[in-house]
Amino acid sequence: MINKSNLLALRDRARKLGLFGLVAQWDELGALPWVAELIEIEENQRQKRSLERRIKHAKLGRFKPMVDFDWNWPKQIDRSAIDELFSLGFLGDGSNAILLGPNGVGKTMLLRNLAHQTLLRGFTVRCTTASDMLADLAAQDSPSALARRLSRYCLPKLLCVDEVGYLSYNNRYADLFFEVVSRRYNAQASIVISTNKPFAEWSEVFPHAACVVTLVDRLIHHAEILTIEGDSYRLKEARERSSKRSRRHVHEPQSPVPP
């Protein structure tokens, strides 16, 4: 037998699901055993569909899970700070996170896993590279089209921008990046960025752009900067694959030379 307080909570869940026919006949149906099961099934299905939609819109792409991250490979990494980042507390006050380090030390892997964890926790995410985002925005041919496209990067709870610093951009692209950062800064919406350039070198990323100083200031005003140092893990893997192929060829039997 369901008590009165549990029945009221169950009715509220049915109302949130929009099961208004059921709510209208709650006095007759609410205590029936199948009602709670029906509501739970509907909630689970909606959560599943919601996650599928958010993953689709996030544009995560393929990535290795964190279980495959080799914490012993980087020469410097603050694992406790990374773990704290994955608790997602920074989303509450709109703080940012900057993953700074050379190519191949796992910045993209961390960024995409962080985006995935955010999705699993029920939040909206947009994941992109700097070049893709800026090219997308610059391609809009009218102010109204640009305004609509900006919402793609400004409305999600978390925006993840990978590979800042790998290319240099003109003033138009710098202005667009500044617009995204400023809108999210004013809305207290978090950004996670991976970059191979310290901020002192961002004038090389956006040469001659007047907004660089203000752009950096707004990014780091409420930000955790996580520095990773080390050699490229991808290069390590490539060398290991090459070594395995070489050993395999050495031990393979040679085909007899025809007479």
Protein backbone atom coordinates (compact mmCIF):
# COMPACT_ATOMS: atom_id res chain seq x y z
CA MET A 1 0.00 0.00 0.00
CA ILE A 2 1.43 3.38 -1.04
CA ASN A 3 1.18 6.05 1.65
CA LYS A 4 -0.32 9.50 1.00
CA SER A 5 2.98 11.40 0.68
CA ASN A 6 4.32 8.86 -1.82
CA LEU A 7 1.09 9.10 -3.82
CA LEU A 8 1.42 12.88 -3.99
CA ALA A 9 5.05 12.59 -5.15
CA LEU A 10 4.00 10.02 -7.75
CA ARG A 11 1.25 12.34 -9.00
CA ASP A 12 3.76 15.18 -9.35
CA ARG A 13 5.99 12.91 -11.45
CA ALA A 14 3.01 12.02 -13.66
CA ARG A 15 2.21 15.72 -14.08
CA LYS A 16 5.79 16.55 -15.05
CA LEU A 17 5.60 13.83 -17.69
CA GLY A 18 2.44 15.40 -19.10
CA LEU A 19 0.26 12.38 -18.28
CA PHE A 20 -2.71 14.65 -17.67
CA GLY A 21 -5.36 12.00 -18.35
CA LEU A 22 -3.85 9.87 -15.62
CA VAL A 23 -3.61 12.86 -13.28
CA ALA A 24 -7.27 13.73 -13.91
CA GLN A 25 -8.30 10.27 -12.70
CA TRP A 26 -5.69 10.07 -9.96
CA ASP A 27 -8.12 9.34 -7.13
CA GLU A 28 -9.30 6.19 -8.91
CA LEU A 29 -6.00 5.05 -10.51
CA GLY A 30 -3.09 6.50 -8.50
CA ALA A 31 -2.83 3.66 -5.98
CA LEU A 32 -2.95 0.87 -8.57
CA PRO A 33 0.36 -1.05 -8.67
CA TRP A 34 0.91 -0.62 -12.42
CA VAL A 35 0.86 3.19 -12.22
CA ALA A 36 4.24 3.54 -10.48
CA GLU A 37 5.77 1.09 -12.95
CA LEU A 38 4.30 2.99 -15.91
CA ILE A 39 5.69 6.30 -14.65
CA GLU A 40 9.15 4.82 -14.07
CA ILE A 41 9.21 3.30 -17.57
CA GLU A 42 8.18 6.62 -19.11
CA GLU A 43 10.80 8.56 -17.12
CA ASN A 44 13.56 6.14 -18.10
CA GLN A 45 12.63 6.26 -21.77
CA ARG A 46 12.52 10.04 -21.82
CA GLN A 47 15.89 10.28 -20.08
CA LYS A 48 17.32 7.86 -22.64
CA ARG A 49 15.93 9.85 -25.58
CA SER A 50 17.11 13.10 -24.02
CA LEU A 51 20.64 11.75 -23.64
CA GLU A 52 20.64 10.49 -27.23
CA ARG A 53 19.55 13.93 -28.50
CA ARG A 54 22.15 15.74 -26.39
CA ILE A 55 24.93 13.40 -27.54
CA LYS A 56 23.91 13.94 -31.17
CA HIS A 57 23.86 17.73 -30.82
CA ALA A 58 27.13 17.78 -28.84
CA LYS A 59 29.16 16.53 -31.86
CA LEU A 60 31.55 14.60 -29.63
CA GLY A 61 33.04 12.34 -32.27
CA ARG A 62 35.07 9.26 -31.37
CA PHE A 63 37.32 9.27 -28.31
CA LYS A 64 39.11 6.89 -25.97
CA PRO A 65 37.56 6.42 -22.51
CA MET A 66 39.38 7.69 -19.44
CA VAL A 67 40.16 4.11 -18.37
CA ASP A 68 42.73 4.10 -21.21
CA PHE A 69 44.45 7.30 -20.07
CA ASP A 70 48.05 6.58 -19.04
CA TRP A 71 48.58 8.83 -16.01
CA ASN A 72 52.23 7.77 -15.80
CA TRP A 73 53.12 9.07 -19.26
CA PRO A 74 52.98 12.89 -18.80
CA LYS A 75 56.00 14.39 -17.05
CA GLN A 76 53.66 16.80 -15.30
CA ILE A 77 49.90 16.49 -14.67
CA ASP A 78 47.83 17.36 -11.62
CA ARG A 79 45.58 14.32 -11.34
CA SER A 80 43.71 15.68 -8.32
CA ALA A 81 42.87 18.85 -10.27
CA ILE A 82 41.66 16.76 -13.22
CA ASP A 83 39.51 14.65 -10.88
CA GLU A 84 38.07 17.83 -9.40
CA LEU A 85 37.27 19.08 -12.89
CA PHE A 86 35.37 15.86 -13.63
CA SER A 87 33.19 16.47 -10.57
CA LEU A 88 31.68 19.28 -12.71
CA GLY A 89 31.50 21.73 -9.83
CA PHE A 90 32.85 24.46 -12.11
CA LEU A 91 29.59 24.43 -14.09
CA GLY A 92 27.71 25.81 -11.11
CA ASP A 93 29.38 29.21 -11.16
CA GLY A 94 30.24 29.37 -14.84
CA SER A 95 33.99 28.91 -14.37
CA ASN A 96 36.25 27.93 -17.25
CA ALA A 97 39.01 25.34 -17.59
CA ILE A 98 42.09 25.58 -19.78
CA LEU A 99 44.00 22.42 -20.72
CA LEU A 100 47.46 23.67 -21.68
CA GLY A 101 50.24 21.53 -23.07
CA PRO A 102 52.12 20.37 -26.17
CA ASN A 103 50.66 18.14 -28.85
CA GLY A 104 49.90 14.54 -28.00
CA VAL A 105 49.75 14.66 -24.18
CA GLY A 106 46.04 13.80 -23.92
CA LYS A 107 44.31 17.21 -23.91
CA THR A 108 41.70 16.18 -26.48
CA MET A 109 41.04 12.89 -24.69
CA LEU A 110 40.44 14.73 -21.42
CA LEU A 111 38.28 17.38 -23.08
CA ARG A 112 36.00 14.91 -24.85
CA ASN A 113 35.63 12.68 -21.80
CA LEU A 114 34.74 15.75 -19.76
CA ALA A 115 32.12 16.66 -22.36
CA HIS A 116 30.73 13.12 -22.23
CA GLN A 117 30.56 13.15 -18.43
CA THR A 118 28.68 16.45 -18.59
CA LEU A 119 26.16 14.92 -20.99
CA LEU A 120 25.65 11.92 -18.71
CA ARG A 121 24.89 14.30 -15.84
CA GLY A 122 22.00 15.77 -17.84
CA PHE A 123 23.55 18.96 -19.22
CA THR A 124 23.78 20.26 -22.79
CA VAL A 125 27.20 20.39 -24.45
CA ARG A 126 28.75 21.58 -27.68
CA CYS A 127 32.14 20.15 -28.63
CA THR A 128 34.14 21.60 -31.51
CA THR A 129 37.59 22.53 -32.71
CA ALA A 130 38.50 26.21 -32.86
CA SER A 131 38.92 26.07 -36.64
CA ASP A 132 35.55 24.37 -37.21
CA MET A 133 33.67 26.80 -34.96
CA LEU A 134 35.21 29.93 -36.44
CA ALA A 135 34.84 28.75 -40.03
CA ASP A 136 31.20 27.88 -39.33
CA LEU A 137 30.49 31.33 -37.88
CA ALA A 138 32.40 33.18 -40.58
CA ALA A 139 30.41 31.37 -43.30
CA GLN A 140 27.12 32.96 -42.21
CA ASP A 141 26.06 35.47 -44.84
CA SER A 142 23.77 37.77 -42.87
CA PRO A 143 23.50 39.21 -39.36
CA SER A 144 20.38 37.14 -38.67
CA ALA A 145 22.06 33.92 -39.83
CA LEU A 146 25.09 34.70 -37.68
CA ALA A 147 22.88 35.39 -34.66
CA ARG A 148 21.18 32.02 -35.08
CA ARG A 149 24.48 30.22 -35.49
CA LEU A 150 26.03 31.93 -32.47
CA SER A 151 23.30 30.39 -30.33
CA ARG A 152 24.70 26.97 -31.25
CA TYR A 153 27.86 27.83 -29.33
CA CYS A 154 26.46 30.17 -26.68
CA LEU A 155 23.39 28.34 -25.36
CA PRO A 156 24.73 24.92 -24.23
CA LYS A 157 25.65 24.57 -20.58
CA LEU A 158 29.22 23.68 -21.58
CA LEU A 159 31.21 24.65 -24.66
CA CYS A 160 34.37 22.62 -25.35
CA VAL A 161 36.79 24.15 -27.86
CA ASP A 162 39.71 21.96 -28.89
CA GLU A 163 42.97 22.84 -30.66
CA VAL A 164 43.18 26.57 -29.99
CA GLY A 165 46.62 27.68 -31.16
CA TYR A 166 47.23 25.13 -33.90
CA LEU A 167 46.37 27.71 -36.59
CA SER A 168 46.45 31.49 -36.77
CA TYR A 169 43.35 33.51 -37.64
CA ASN A 170 42.55 36.89 -39.11
CA ASN A 171 40.75 39.73 -37.32
CA ARG A 172 37.32 38.55 -38.44
CA TYR A 173 37.86 35.17 -36.78
CA ALA A 174 39.29 36.84 -33.69
CA ASP A 175 36.18 39.01 -33.39
CA LEU A 176 33.94 35.95 -33.68
CA PHE A 177 35.87 34.07 -31.00
CA PHE A 178 35.66 37.15 -28.79
CA GLU A 179 31.89 37.31 -29.34
CA VAL A 180 31.41 33.70 -28.23
CA VAL A 181 33.63 34.12 -25.17
CA SER A 182 31.97 37.42 -24.21
CA ARG A 183 28.44 36.08 -24.49
CA ARG A 184 29.26 33.05 -22.40
CA TYR A 185 31.17 35.20 -19.89
CA ASN A 186 28.14 37.47 -19.44
CA ALA A 187 25.83 34.47 -19.12
CA GLN A 188 28.19 32.75 -16.63
CA ALA A 189 28.34 29.72 -18.93
CA SER A 190 31.46 27.56 -18.80
CA ILE A 191 34.04 26.99 -21.52
CA VAL A 192 36.71 24.29 -21.60
CA ILE A 193 39.57 24.97 -23.99
CA SER A 194 42.56 22.90 -25.00
CA THR A 195 45.56 24.80 -26.34
CA ASN A 196 49.22 24.26 -27.08
CA LYS A 197 49.98 27.98 -26.65
CA PRO A 198 50.45 29.82 -23.35
CA PHE A 199 48.35 32.96 -23.25
CA ALA A 200 51.43 35.15 -23.73
CA GLU A 201 51.63 33.70 -27.26
CA TRP A 202 47.98 34.14 -28.24
CA SER A 203 48.95 37.23 -30.20
CA GLU A 204 50.43 34.70 -32.65
CA VAL A 205 47.08 32.92 -32.87
CA PHE A 206 45.17 36.15 -33.52
CA PRO A 207 47.84 38.47 -34.96
CA HIS A 208 46.96 42.18 -35.09
CA ALA A 209 43.57 41.59 -33.37
CA ALA A 210 42.80 44.37 -30.90
CA CYS A 211 40.54 42.13 -28.81
CA VAL A 212 43.16 39.54 -27.78
CA VAL A 213 43.96 41.04 -24.37
CA THR A 214 40.29 41.35 -23.42
CA LEU A 215 39.54 37.89 -24.85
CA VAL A 216 42.21 36.27 -22.69
CA ASP A 217 41.16 38.32 -19.66
CA ARG A 218 37.57 37.06 -19.88
CA LEU A 219 38.67 33.47 -20.41
CA ILE A 220 40.95 33.35 -17.38
CA HIS A 221 38.97 35.62 -15.03
CA HIS A 222 37.23 32.59 -13.50
CA ALA A 223 39.34 29.73 -14.83
CA GLU A 224 41.39 26.75 -13.73
CA ILE A 225 44.53 26.43 -15.87
CA LEU A 226 45.70 22.82 -15.96
CA THR A 227 49.18 22.40 -17.40
CA ILE A 228 50.27 19.07 -18.86
CA GLU A 229 53.88 18.51 -19.84
CA GLY A 230 55.44 15.57 -21.60
CA ASP A 231 56.28 13.96 -24.91
CA SER A 232 53.66 13.00 -27.45
CA TYR A 233 51.83 9.81 -26.48
CA ARG A 234 50.70 9.40 -30.09
CA LEU A 235 54.34 9.43 -31.21
CA LYS A 236 55.10 6.81 -28.53
CA GLU A 237 52.27 4.59 -29.85
CA ALA A 238 53.44 5.04 -33.44
CA ARG A 239 56.98 4.00 -32.51
CA GLU A 240 55.67 0.94 -30.65
CA ARG A 241 53.59 -0.11 -33.68
CA SER A 242 56.59 0.35 -35.94
CA SER A 243 58.77 -1.71 -33.59
CA LYS A 244 56.20 -4.53 -33.50
CA ARG A 245 56.03 -4.61 -37.31
CA SER A 246 59.81 -4.75 -37.53
CA ARG A 247 60.02 -7.65 -35.06
CA ARG A 248 57.25 -9.49 -36.87
CA HIS A 249 59.01 -9.16 -40.22
CA VAL A 250 62.28 -10.43 -38.73
CA HIS A 251 60.63 -13.60 -37.43
CA GLU A 252 58.47 -14.29 -40.47
CA PRO A 253 59.78 -17.23 -42.59
CA GLN A 254 61.22 -16.13 -45.89
CA SER A 255 59.62 -17.47 -49.05
CA PRO A 256 61.95 -19.73 -51.03
CA VAL A 257 63.56 -18.11 -54.05
CA PRO A 258 62.35 -19.88 -57.21
CA PRO A 259 65.10 -21.55 -59.27
